[in-house]
């Protein structure tokens, strides 16, 4: 599993540490969950999302990709 180093404000770090303790879960699990909630997806997951959208909406690949990209950007900016 890859490792990264991130810089957090002291306030956010303490909040994350407290949440991990309260929930009895590792900080990395909370961070990964937060990234997923923000719509961060692997290329494979994004391609599967586009394929499902195309199937259910009967869209061309180009139209489905445009729609998926727009929706992902909206979610990330919330």
C-alpha atoms as a PDB file:
ATOM      1  CA  UNK A   1       0.000   0.000   0.000  1.00  0.00           C
ATOM      2  CA  UNK A   2       1.458   3.397  -0.932  1.00  0.00           C
ATOM      3  CA  UNK A   3       2.301   5.856   1.819  1.00  0.00           C
ATOM      4  CA  UNK A   4       2.012   9.636   1.606  1.00  0.00           C
ATOM      5  CA  UNK A   5       2.853  12.567   3.826  1.00  0.00           C
ATOM      6  CA  UNK A   6       0.312  15.349   4.208  1.00  0.00           C
ATOM      7  CA  UNK A   7       0.359  18.606   6.111  1.00  0.00           C
ATOM      8  CA  UNK A   8      -2.711  19.466   8.179  1.00  0.00           C
ATOM      9  CA  UNK A   9      -3.472  22.395  10.416  1.00  0.00           C
ATOM     10  CA  UNK A  10      -3.102  21.563  14.093  1.00  0.00           C
ATOM     11  CA  UNK A  11      -6.860  22.023  14.527  1.00  0.00           C
ATOM     12  CA  UNK A  12      -7.761  19.533  11.763  1.00  0.00           C
ATOM     13  CA  UNK A  13      -5.119  17.060  12.930  1.00  0.00           C
ATOM     14  CA  UNK A  14      -6.495  17.114  16.493  1.00  0.00           C
ATOM     15  CA  UNK A  15     -10.069  16.740  15.218  1.00  0.00           C
ATOM     16  CA  UNK A  16      -9.027  13.763  13.072  1.00  0.00           C
ATOM     17  CA  UNK A  17      -7.142  12.179  15.956  1.00  0.00           C
ATOM     18  CA  UNK A  18     -10.123  12.633  18.304  1.00  0.00           C
ATOM     19  CA  UNK A  19     -12.564  11.241  15.717  1.00  0.00           C
ATOM     20  CA  UNK A  20     -10.344   8.198  15.201  1.00  0.00           C
ATOM     21  CA  UNK A  21     -10.212   7.592  18.941  1.00  0.00           C
ATOM     22  CA  UNK A  22     -13.971   8.046  19.408  1.00  0.00           C
ATOM     23  CA  UNK A  23     -14.797   5.796  16.463  1.00  0.00           C
ATOM     24  CA  UNK A  24     -12.037   3.298  17.286  1.00  0.00           C
ATOM     25  CA  UNK A  25     -10.840   3.445  13.679  1.00  0.00           C
ATOM     26  CA  UNK A  26      -7.442   4.322  12.241  1.00  0.00           C
ATOM     27  CA  UNK A  27      -6.965   7.832  10.881  1.00  0.00           C
ATOM     28  CA  UNK A  28      -6.141   6.499   7.399  1.00  0.00           C
ATOM     29  CA  UNK A  29      -9.543   4.771   7.234  1.00  0.00           C
ATOM     30  CA  UNK A  30     -11.313   8.037   8.049  1.00  0.00           C
ATOM     31  CA  UNK A  31      -9.219   9.897   5.461  1.00  0.00           C
ATOM     32  CA  UNK A  32      -9.928   7.279   2.750  1.00  0.00           C
ATOM     33  CA  UNK A  33     -13.637   7.381   3.561  1.00  0.00           C
ATOM     34  CA  UNK A  34     -13.600  11.175   3.310  1.00  0.00           C
ATOM     35  CA  UNK A  35     -11.895  11.041  -0.085  1.00  0.00           C
ATOM     36  CA  UNK A  36     -14.478   8.569  -1.372  1.00  0.00           C
ATOM     37  CA  UNK A  37     -17.265  10.822  -0.107  1.00  0.00           C
ATOM     38  CA  UNK A  38     -15.709  13.696  -2.081  1.00  0.00           C
ATOM     39  CA  UNK A  39     -15.978  11.627  -5.243  1.00  0.00           C
ATOM     40  CA  UNK A  40     -12.334  10.588  -5.603  1.00  0.00           C
ATOM     41  CA  UNK A  41     -12.352   7.498  -7.789  1.00  0.00           C
ATOM     42  CA  UNK A  42      -9.786   5.344  -9.535  1.00  0.00           C
ATOM     43  CA  UNK A  43      -9.803   5.286 -13.331  1.00  0.00           C
ATOM     44  CA  UNK A  44     -11.374   1.805 -13.214  1.00  0.00           C
ATOM     45  CA  UNK A  45     -14.178   2.998 -10.926  1.00  0.00           C
ATOM     46  CA  UNK A  46     -14.795   6.058 -13.109  1.00  0.00           C
ATOM     47  CA  UNK A  47     -14.958   3.923 -16.258  1.00  0.00           C
ATOM     48  CA  UNK A  48     -17.454   1.578 -14.588  1.00  0.00           C
ATOM     49  CA  UNK A  49     -19.562   4.589 -13.566  1.00  0.00           C
ATOM     50  CA  UNK A  50     -19.592   5.848 -17.156  1.00  0.00           C
ATOM     51  CA  UNK A  51     -20.502   2.396 -18.472  1.00  0.00           C
ATOM     52  CA  UNK A  52     -23.444   2.140 -16.035  1.00  0.00           C
ATOM     53  CA  UNK A  53     -24.605   5.641 -16.955  1.00  0.00           C
ATOM     54  CA  UNK A  54     -24.449   4.806 -20.648  1.00  0.00           C
ATOM     55  CA  UNK A  55     -26.443   1.622 -20.184  1.00  0.00           C
ATOM     56  CA  UNK A  56     -29.193   3.114 -18.076  1.00  0.00           C
ATOM     57  CA  UNK A  57     -29.502   6.385 -20.029  1.00  0.00           C
ATOM     58  CA  UNK A  58     -28.911   4.961 -23.507  1.00  0.00           C
ATOM     59  CA  UNK A  59     -26.201   7.589 -24.200  1.00  0.00           C
ATOM     60  CA  UNK A  60     -23.262   7.559 -26.576  1.00  0.00           C
ATOM     61  CA  UNK A  61     -19.844   7.158 -24.977  1.00  0.00           C
ATOM     62  CA  UNK A  62     -19.053  10.839 -25.585  1.00  0.00           C
ATOM     63  CA  UNK A  63     -22.358  12.064 -24.108  1.00  0.00           C
ATOM     64  CA  UNK A  64     -22.016   9.784 -21.088  1.00  0.00           C
ATOM     65  CA  UNK A  65     -18.457  10.946 -20.440  1.00  0.00           C
ATOM     66  CA  UNK A  66     -19.516  14.600 -20.660  1.00  0.00           C
ATOM     67  CA  UNK A  67     -22.369  13.986 -18.237  1.00  0.00           C
ATOM     68  CA  UNK A  68     -20.210  12.008 -15.774  1.00  0.00           C
ATOM     69  CA  UNK A  69     -17.456  14.635 -15.841  1.00  0.00           C
ATOM     70  CA  UNK A  70     -19.931  17.417 -15.147  1.00  0.00           C
ATOM     71  CA  UNK A  71     -21.576  15.556 -12.281  1.00  0.00           C
ATOM     72  CA  UNK A  72     -18.230  14.664 -10.718  1.00  0.00           C
ATOM     73  CA  UNK A  73     -17.107  18.289 -10.844  1.00  0.00           C
ATOM     74  CA  UNK A  74     -20.362  19.419  -9.220  1.00  0.00           C
ATOM     75  CA  UNK A  75     -19.897  16.938  -6.380  1.00  0.00           C
ATOM     76  CA  UNK A  76     -16.290  17.968  -5.824  1.00  0.00           C
ATOM     77  CA  UNK A  77     -17.205  21.656  -5.574  1.00  0.00           C
ATOM     78  CA  UNK A  78     -19.850  21.169  -2.877  1.00  0.00           C
END
